[in-house]
Amino acid sequence: MRCFDEQERQIVRTLIRNPRCSDNRISTLTGVPVRTVSRKRARLEQEGILFYYAAVDMQAQGTGRFTTQHMLTIKFKLGITRS
């Protein structure tokens, strides 16, 4: 089992609260340098811990348009979100 360091915990907590946060915003909220946020986020994505997908509602809303929703899914073990 991979253990997160403190900076990774802060990044993941921020993404759980707001999955659409940019690296700059995460840096501002956590105090972790933006380059570190970018590097650690990319590594979490490469390791398959952090991944993204779009869910498409296939039912037309009466206008012939389809809605999409972007979602960030994070796999984590118990205790990661504790303050």
PDB file of N, CA and C in Angstrom:
ATOM      1  N   MET A   1       0.836  -1.172   0.000  1.00  0.00           N
ATOM      2  CA  MET A   1       0.000   0.000   0.000  1.00  0.00           C
ATOM      3  C   MET A   1       0.887   1.244   0.000  1.00  0.00           C
ATOM      4  N   ARG A   2       0.593   2.165  -0.890  1.00  0.00           N
ATOM      5  CA  ARG A   2       1.365   3.402  -1.012  1.00  0.00           C
ATOM      6  C   ARG A   2       0.878   4.413   0.017  1.00  0.00           C
ATOM      7  N   CYS A   3       1.791   5.019   0.742  1.00  0.00           N
ATOM      8  CA  CYS A   3       1.441   6.061   1.716  1.00  0.00           C
ATOM      9  C   CYS A   3       1.687   7.427   1.096  1.00  0.00           C
ATOM     10  N   PHE A   4       0.761   8.340   1.285  1.00  0.00           N
ATOM     11  CA  PHE A   4       0.914   9.707   0.789  1.00  0.00           C
ATOM     12  C   PHE A   4       1.782  10.508   1.746  1.00  0.00           C
ATOM     13  N   ASP A   5       2.616  11.391   1.187  1.00  0.00           N
ATOM     14  CA  ASP A   5       3.318  12.339   2.047  1.00  0.00           C
ATOM     15  C   ASP A   5       2.356  13.488   2.365  1.00  0.00           C
ATOM     16  N   GLU A   6       2.769  14.399   3.237  1.00  0.00           N
ATOM     17  CA  GLU A   6       1.869  15.464   3.695  1.00  0.00           C
ATOM     18  C   GLU A   6       1.397  16.351   2.548  1.00  0.00           C
ATOM     19  N   GLN A   7       2.283  16.675   1.609  1.00  0.00           N
ATOM     20  CA  GLN A   7       1.888  17.518   0.478  1.00  0.00           C
ATOM     21  C   GLN A   7       0.862  16.812  -0.396  1.00  0.00           C
ATOM     22  N   GLU A   8       1.054  15.519  -0.642  1.00  0.00           N
ATOM     23  CA  GLU A   8       0.082  14.757  -1.435  1.00  0.00           C
ATOM     24  C   GLU A   8      -1.267  14.703  -0.725  1.00  0.00           C
ATOM     25  N   ARG A   9      -1.254  14.552   0.590  1.00  0.00           N
ATOM     26  CA  ARG A   9      -2.510  14.557   1.358  1.00  0.00           C
ATOM     27  C   ARG A   9      -3.244  15.878   1.173  1.00  0.00           C
ATOM     28  N   GLN A  10      -2.508  16.980   1.257  1.00  0.00           N
ATOM     29  CA  GLN A  10      -3.130  18.291   1.095  1.00  0.00           C
ATOM     30  C   GLN A  10      -3.713  18.447  -0.309  1.00  0.00           C
ATOM     31  N   ILE A  11      -2.979  17.990  -1.315  1.00  0.00           N
ATOM     32  CA  ILE A  11      -3.446  18.081  -2.699  1.00  0.00           C
ATOM     33  C   ILE A  11      -4.712  17.244  -2.884  1.00  0.00           C
ATOM     34  N   VAL A  12      -4.689  16.011  -2.398  1.00  0.00           N
ATOM     35  CA  VAL A  12      -5.836  15.113  -2.547  1.00  0.00           C
ATOM     36  C   VAL A  12      -7.048  15.651  -1.788  1.00  0.00           C
ATOM     37  N   ARG A  13      -6.847  16.152  -0.581  1.00  0.00           N
ATOM     38  CA  ARG A  13      -7.967  16.726   0.184  1.00  0.00           C
ATOM     39  C   ARG A  13      -8.612  17.882  -0.580  1.00  0.00           C
ATOM     40  N   THR A  14      -7.773  18.724  -1.161  1.00  0.00           N
ATOM     41  CA  THR A  14      -8.292  19.859  -1.924  1.00  0.00           C
ATOM     42  C   THR A  14      -9.083  19.374  -3.133  1.00  0.00           C
ATOM     43  N   LEU A  15      -8.581  18.356  -3.822  1.00  0.00           N
ATOM     44  CA  LEU A  15      -9.280  17.824  -4.991  1.00  0.00           C
ATOM     45  C   LEU A  15     -10.573  17.115  -4.609  1.00  0.00           C
ATOM     46  N   ILE A  16     -10.615  16.504  -3.439  1.00  0.00           N
ATOM     47  CA  ILE A  16     -11.858  15.879  -2.982  1.00  0.00           C
ATOM     48  C   ILE A  16     -12.912  16.957  -2.753  1.00  0.00           C
ATOM     49  N   ARG A  17     -12.497  18.065  -2.163  1.00  0.00           N
ATOM     50  CA  ARG A  17     -13.428  19.167  -1.895  1.00  0.00           C
ATOM     51  C   ARG A  17     -13.865  19.872  -3.170  1.00  0.00           C
ATOM     52  N   ASN A  18     -12.936  20.049  -4.106  1.00  0.00           N
ATOM     53  CA  ASN A  18     -13.242  20.736  -5.367  1.00  0.00           C
ATOM     54  C   ASN A  18     -12.438  20.087  -6.494  1.00  0.00           C
ATOM     55  N   PRO A  19     -13.015  19.094  -7.166  1.00  0.00           N
ATOM     56  CA  PRO A  19     -12.296  18.346  -8.198  1.00  0.00           C
ATOM     57  C   PRO A  19     -11.827  19.179  -9.385  1.00  0.00           C
ATOM     58  N   ARG A  20     -12.385  20.365  -9.579  1.00  0.00           N
ATOM     59  CA  ARG A  20     -12.019  21.175 -10.741  1.00  0.00           C
ATOM     60  C   ARG A  20     -10.937  22.208 -10.432  1.00  0.00           C
ATOM     61  N   CYS A  21     -10.334  22.123  -9.273  1.00  0.00           N
ATOM     62  CA  CYS A  21      -9.290  23.082  -8.875  1.00  0.00           C
ATOM     63  C   CYS A  21      -8.087  22.999  -9.811  1.00  0.00           C
ATOM     64  N   SER A  22      -7.578  24.155 -10.182  1.00  0.00           N
ATOM     65  CA  SER A  22      -6.346  24.208 -10.970  1.00  0.00           C
ATOM     66  C   SER A  22      -5.152  24.023 -10.037  1.00  0.00           C
ATOM     67  N   ASP A  23      -4.003  23.740 -10.627  1.00  0.00           N
ATOM     68  CA  ASP A  23      -2.785  23.612  -9.833  1.00  0.00           C
ATOM     69  C   ASP A  23      -2.475  24.915  -9.103  1.00  0.00           C
ATOM     70  N   ASN A  24      -2.714  26.052  -9.761  1.00  0.00           N
ATOM     71  CA  ASN A  24      -2.470  27.349  -9.118  1.00  0.00           C
ATOM     72  C   ASN A  24      -3.364  27.530  -7.895  1.00  0.00           C
ATOM     73  N   ARG A  25      -4.623  27.164  -8.018  1.00  0.00           N
ATOM     74  CA  ARG A  25      -5.564  27.314  -6.898  1.00  0.00           C
ATOM     75  C   ARG A  25      -5.202  26.365  -5.757  1.00  0.00           C
ATOM     76  N   ILE A  26      -4.827  25.135  -6.099  1.00  0.00           N
ATOM     77  CA  ILE A  26      -4.405  24.177  -5.072  1.00  0.00           C
ATOM     78  C   ILE A  26      -3.192  24.729  -4.331  1.00  0.00           C
ATOM     79  N   SER A  27      -2.258  25.302  -5.070  1.00  0.00           N
ATOM     80  CA  SER A  27      -1.066  25.894  -4.469  1.00  0.00           C
ATOM     81  C   SER A  27      -1.439  27.008  -3.498  1.00  0.00           C
ATOM     82  N   THR A  28      -2.356  27.861  -3.910  1.00  0.00           N
ATOM     83  CA  THR A  28      -2.800  28.968  -3.054  1.00  0.00           C
ATOM     84  C   THR A  28      -3.463  28.449  -1.781  1.00  0.00           C
ATOM     85  N   LEU A  29      -4.318  27.436  -1.912  1.00  0.00           N
ATOM     86  CA  LEU A  29      -5.064  26.915  -0.765  1.00  0.00           C
ATOM     87  C   LEU A  29      -4.197  26.123   0.211  1.00  0.00           C
ATOM     88  N   THR A  30      -3.182  25.426  -0.310  1.00  0.00           N
ATOM     89  CA  THR A  30      -2.392  24.524   0.530  1.00  0.00           C
ATOM     90  C   THR A  30      -1.037  25.082   0.939  1.00  0.00           C
ATOM     91  N   GLY A  31      -0.536  26.058   0.191  1.00  0.00           N
ATOM     92  CA  GLY A  31       0.804  26.567   0.469  1.00  0.00           C
ATOM     93  C   GLY A  31       1.903  25.724  -0.155  1.00  0.00           C
ATOM     94  N   VAL A  32       1.531  24.701  -0.909  1.00  0.00           N
ATOM     95  CA  VAL A  32       2.498  23.863  -1.621  1.00  0.00           C
ATOM     96  C   VAL A  32       2.865  24.588  -2.918  1.00  0.00           C
ATOM     97  N   PRO A  33       4.153  24.704  -3.252  1.00  0.00           N
ATOM     98  CA  PRO A  33       4.536  25.397  -4.489  1.00  0.00           C
ATOM     99  C   PRO A  33       3.838  24.803  -5.718  1.00  0.00           C
ATOM    100  N   VAL A  34       3.462  25.674  -6.653  1.00  0.00           N
ATOM    101  CA  VAL A  34       2.680  25.251  -7.816  1.00  0.00           C
ATOM    102  C   VAL A  34       3.417  24.195  -8.641  1.00  0.00           C
ATOM    103  N   ARG A  35       4.723  24.303  -8.778  1.00  0.00           N
ATOM    104  CA  ARG A  35       5.470  23.289  -9.542  1.00  0.00           C
ATOM    105  C   ARG A  35       5.417  21.935  -8.842  1.00  0.00           C
ATOM    106  N   THR A  36       5.434  21.950  -7.514  1.00  0.00           N
ATOM    107  CA  THR A  36       5.326  20.708  -6.750  1.00  0.00           C
ATOM    108  C   THR A  36       3.933  20.108  -6.921  1.00  0.00           C
ATOM    109  N   VAL A  37       2.909  20.948  -6.883  1.00  0.00           N
ATOM    110  CA  VAL A  37       1.531  20.477  -7.098  1.00  0.00           C
ATOM    111  C   VAL A  37       1.426  19.816  -8.469  1.00  0.00           C
ATOM    112  N   SER A  38       1.952  20.474  -9.501  1.00  0.00           N
ATOM    113  CA  SER A  38       1.890  19.935 -10.866  1.00  0.00           C
ATOM    114  C   SER A  38       2.600  18.591 -10.958  1.00  0.00           C
ATOM    115  N   ARG A  39       3.789  18.517 -10.373  1.00  0.00           N
ATOM    116  CA  ARG A  39       4.587  17.286 -10.434  1.00  0.00           C
ATOM    117  C   ARG A  39       3.903  16.152  -9.679  1.00  0.00           C
ATOM    118  N   LYS A  40       3.437  16.427  -8.475  1.00  0.00           N
ATOM    119  CA  LYS A  40       2.809  15.379  -7.663  1.00  0.00           C
ATOM    120  C   LYS A  40       1.464  14.946  -8.247  1.00  0.00           C
ATOM    121  N   ARG A  41       0.706  15.887  -8.771  1.00  0.00           N
ATOM    122  CA  ARG A  41      -0.581  15.554  -9.399  1.00  0.00           C
ATOM    123  C   ARG A  41      -0.355  14.666 -10.620  1.00  0.00           C
ATOM    124  N   ALA A  42       0.638  15.007 -11.440  1.00  0.00           N
ATOM    125  CA  ALA A  42       0.955  14.192 -12.622  1.00  0.00           C
ATOM    126  C   ALA A  42       1.379  12.786 -12.206  1.00  0.00           C
ATOM    127  N   ARG A  43       2.174  12.674 -11.136  1.00  0.00           N
ATOM    128  CA  ARG A  43       2.608  11.354 -10.684  1.00  0.00           C
ATOM    129  C   ARG A  43       1.425  10.538 -10.161  1.00  0.00           C
ATOM    130  N   LEU A  44       0.511  11.168  -9.430  1.00  0.00           N
ATOM    131  CA  LEU A  44      -0.684  10.465  -8.946  1.00  0.00           C
ATOM    132  C   LEU A  44      -1.547   9.988 -10.114  1.00  0.00           C
ATOM    133  N   GLU A  45      -1.607  10.784 -11.182  1.00  0.00           N
ATOM    134  CA  GLU A  45      -2.345  10.381 -12.382  1.00  0.00           C
ATOM    135  C   GLU A  45      -1.658   9.200 -13.057  1.00  0.00           C
ATOM    136  N   GLN A  46      -0.332   9.251 -13.194  1.00  0.00           N
ATOM    137  CA  GLN A  46       0.413   8.170 -13.847  1.00  0.00           C
ATOM    138  C   GLN A  46       0.307   6.867 -13.068  1.00  0.00           C
ATOM    139  N   GLU A  47       0.253   6.956 -11.745  1.00  0.00           N
ATOM    140  CA  GLU A  47       0.158   5.759 -10.908  1.00  0.00           C
ATOM    141  C   GLU A  47      -1.262   5.193 -10.849  1.00  0.00           C
ATOM    142  N   GLY A  48      -2.219   5.896 -11.468  1.00  0.00           N
ATOM    143  CA  GLY A  48      -3.593   5.410 -11.486  1.00  0.00           C
ATOM    144  C   GLY A  48      -4.352   5.681 -10.195  1.00  0.00           C
ATOM    145  N   ILE A  49      -3.797   6.523  -9.331  1.00  0.00           N
ATOM    146  CA  ILE A  49      -4.479   6.882  -8.093  1.00  0.00           C
ATOM    147  C   ILE A  49      -5.498   7.973  -8.369  1.00  0.00           C
ATOM    148  N   LEU A  50      -5.160   8.851  -9.280  1.00  0.00           N
ATOM    149  CA  LEU A  50      -5.998   9.985  -9.653  1.00  0.00           C
ATOM    150  C   LEU A  50      -6.347   9.826 -11.121  1.00  0.00           C
ATOM    151  N   PHE A  51      -7.633   9.839 -11.446  1.00  0.00           N
ATOM    152  CA  PHE A  51      -8.003   9.759 -12.858  1.00  0.00           C
ATOM    153  C   PHE A  51      -9.295  10.511 -13.094  1.00  0.00           C
ATOM    154  N   TYR A  52      -9.569  10.784 -14.347  1.00  0.00           N
ATOM    155  CA  TYR A  52     -10.692  11.622 -14.742  1.00  0.00           C
ATOM    156  C   TYR A  52     -11.520  10.892 -15.793  1.00  0.00           C
ATOM    157  N   TYR A  53     -12.805  11.191 -15.815  1.00  0.00           N
ATOM    158  CA  TYR A  53     -13.641  10.708 -16.906  1.00  0.00           C
ATOM    159  C   TYR A  53     -14.839  11.629 -17.046  1.00  0.00           C
ATOM    160  N   ALA A  54     -15.470  11.561 -18.187  1.00  0.00           N
ATOM    161  CA  ALA A  54     -16.681  12.349 -18.434  1.00  0.00           C
ATOM    162  C   ALA A  54     -17.855  11.385 -18.538  1.00  0.00           C
ATOM    163  N   ALA A  55     -18.917  11.674 -17.823  1.00  0.00           N
ATOM    164  CA  ALA A  55     -20.139  10.880 -17.902  1.00  0.00           C
ATOM    165  C   ALA A  55     -21.111  11.622 -18.807  1.00  0.00           C
ATOM    166  N   VAL A  56     -21.673  10.922 -19.772  1.00  0.00           N
ATOM    167  CA  VAL A  56     -22.577  11.546 -20.730  1.00  0.00           C
ATOM    168  C   VAL A  56     -23.991  11.042 -20.490  1.00  0.00           C
ATOM    169  N   ASP A  57     -24.928  11.962 -20.315  1.00  0.00           N
ATOM    170  CA  ASP A  57     -26.348  11.631 -20.196  1.00  0.00           C
ATOM    171  C   ASP A  57     -26.863  11.433 -21.621  1.00  0.00           C
ATOM    172  N   MET A  58     -27.204  10.213 -21.978  1.00  0.00           N
ATOM    173  CA  MET A  58     -27.577   9.896 -23.360  1.00  0.00           C
ATOM    174  C   MET A  58     -29.034  10.241 -23.682  1.00  0.00           C
ATOM    175  N   GLN A  59     -29.777  10.774 -22.746  1.00  0.00           N
ATOM    176  CA  GLN A  59     -31.157  11.164 -23.020  1.00  0.00           C
ATOM    177  C   GLN A  59     -31.189  12.640 -23.396  1.00  0.00           C
ATOM    178  N   ALA A  60     -31.769  12.902 -24.537  1.00  0.00           N
ATOM    179  CA  ALA A  60     -31.893  14.303 -24.960  1.00  0.00           C
ATOM    180  C   ALA A  60     -32.812  15.027 -23.989  1.00  0.00           C
ATOM    181  N   GLN A  61     -32.537  16.267 -23.711  1.00  0.00           N
ATOM    182  CA  GLN A  61     -33.322  17.057 -22.765  1.00  0.00           C
ATOM    183  C   GLN A  61     -34.458  17.806 -23.454  1.00  0.00           C
ATOM    184  N   GLY A  62     -34.941  17.264 -24.551  1.00  0.00           N
ATOM    185  CA  GLY A  62     -36.036  17.886 -25.274  1.00  0.00           C
ATOM    186  C   GLY A  62     -35.560  18.914 -26.291  1.00  0.00           C
ATOM    187  N   THR A  63     -34.292  19.214 -26.278  1.00  0.00           N
ATOM    188  CA  THR A  63     -33.752  20.220 -27.193  1.00  0.00           C
ATOM    189  C   THR A  63     -32.788  19.596 -28.194  1.00  0.00           C
ATOM    190  N   GLY A  64     -32.609  18.304 -28.094  1.00  0.00           N
ATOM    191  CA  GLY A  64     -31.645  17.647 -28.968  1.00  0.00           C
ATOM    192  C   GLY A  64     -30.216  17.800 -28.476  1.00  0.00           C
ATOM    193  N   ARG A  65     -30.061  18.367 -27.291  1.00  0.00           N
ATOM    194  CA  ARG A  65     -28.734  18.544 -26.707  1.00  0.00           C
ATOM    195  C   ARG A  65     -28.491  17.455 -25.679  1.00  0.00           C
ATOM    196  N   PHE A  66     -27.244  17.176 -25.456  1.00  0.00           N
ATOM    197  CA  PHE A  66     -26.862  16.197 -24.452  1.00  0.00           C
ATOM    198  C   PHE A  66     -26.036  16.901 -23.389  1.00  0.00           C
ATOM    199  N   THR A  67     -26.219  16.494 -22.150  1.00  0.00           N
ATOM    200  CA  THR A  67     -25.443  17.102 -21.072  1.00  0.00           C
ATOM    201  C   THR A  67     -24.240  16.222 -20.756  1.00  0.00           C
ATOM    202  N   THR A  68     -23.178  16.854 -20.363  1.00  0.00           N
ATOM    203  CA  THR A  68     -22.003  16.102 -19.911  1.00  0.00           C
ATOM    204  C   THR A  68     -21.621  16.591 -18.531  1.00  0.00           C
ATOM    205  N   GLN A  69     -20.990  15.723 -17.811  1.00  0.00           N
ATOM    206  CA  GLN A  69     -20.535  16.069 -16.473  1.00  0.00           C
ATOM    207  C   GLN A  69     -19.109  15.563 -16.337  1.00  0.00           C
ATOM    208  N   HIS A  70     -18.230  16.419 -15.905  1.00  0.00           N
ATOM    209  CA  HIS A  70     -16.848  16.015 -15.671  1.00  0.00           C
ATOM    210  C   HIS A  70     -16.724  15.599 -14.216  1.00  0.00           C
ATOM    211  N   MET A  71     -16.031  14.516 -14.005  1.00  0.00           N
ATOM    212  CA  MET A  71     -15.908  14.027 -12.643  1.00  0.00           C
ATOM    213  C   MET A  71     -14.485  13.577 -12.391  1.00  0.00           C
ATOM    214  N   LEU A  72     -13.993  13.865 -11.230  1.00  0.00           N
ATOM    215  CA  LEU A  72     -12.674  13.438 -10.803  1.00  0.00           C
ATOM    216  C   LEU A  72     -12.878  12.333  -9.787  1.00  0.00           C
ATOM    217  N   THR A  73     -12.263  11.202 -10.003  1.00  0.00           N
ATOM    218  CA  THR A  73     -12.381  10.099  -9.073  1.00  0.00           C
ATOM    219  C   THR A  73     -11.022   9.844  -8.453  1.00  0.00           C
ATOM    220  N   ILE A  74     -10.998   9.741  -7.158  1.00  0.00           N
ATOM    221  CA  ILE A  74      -9.753   9.503  -6.441  1.00  0.00           C
ATOM    222  C   ILE A  74      -9.916   8.227  -5.636  1.00  0.00           C
ATOM    223  N   LYS A  75      -8.971   7.289  -5.809  1.00  0.00           N
ATOM    224  CA  LYS A  75      -8.970   6.083  -5.005  1.00  0.00           C
ATOM    225  C   LYS A  75      -8.142   6.370  -3.760  1.00  0.00           C
ATOM    226  N   PHE A  76      -8.685   6.069  -2.583  1.00  0.00           N
ATOM    227  CA  PHE A  76      -7.918   6.302  -1.376  1.00  0.00           C
ATOM    228  C   PHE A  76      -8.277   5.276  -0.324  1.00  0.00           C
ATOM    229  N   LYS A  77      -7.397   5.130   0.627  1.00  0.00           N
ATOM    230  CA  LYS A  77      -7.602   4.198   1.731  1.00  0.00           C
ATOM    231  C   LYS A  77      -8.228   4.943   2.901  1.00  0.00           C
ATOM    232  N   LEU A  78      -8.787   4.223   3.833  1.00  0.00           N
ATOM    233  CA  LEU A  78      -9.382   4.840   5.018  1.00  0.00           C
ATOM    234  C   LEU A  78      -8.356   5.697   5.742  1.00  0.00           C
ATOM    235  N   GLY A  79      -8.796   6.844   6.209  1.00  0.00           N
ATOM    236  CA  GLY A  79      -7.926   7.709   6.985  1.00  0.00           C
ATOM    237  C   GLY A  79      -7.307   8.839   6.194  1.00  0.00           C
ATOM    238  N   ILE A  80      -7.385   8.803   4.879  1.00  0.00           N
ATOM    239  CA  ILE A  80      -6.764   9.838   4.061  1.00  0.00           C
ATOM    240  C   ILE A  80      -7.440  11.188   4.272  1.00  0.00           C
ATOM    241  N   THR A  81      -8.755  11.212   4.444  1.00  0.00           N
ATOM    242  CA  THR A  81      -9.468  12.484   4.524  1.00  0.00           C
ATOM    243  C   THR A  81      -9.589  13.018   5.948  1.00  0.00           C
ATOM    244  N   ARG A  82      -8.999  12.362   6.903  1.00  0.00           N
ATOM    245  CA  ARG A  82      -9.062  12.859   8.280  1.00  0.00           C
ATOM    246  C   ARG A  82      -8.260  14.137   8.413  1.00  0.00           C
ATOM    247  N   SER A  83      -8.762  15.039   9.201  1.00  0.00           N
ATOM    248  CA  SER A  83      -8.065  16.315   9.433  1.00  0.00           C
ATOM    249  C   SER A  83      -7.005  16.161  10.491  1.00  0.00           C
TER     250      SER A  83
END
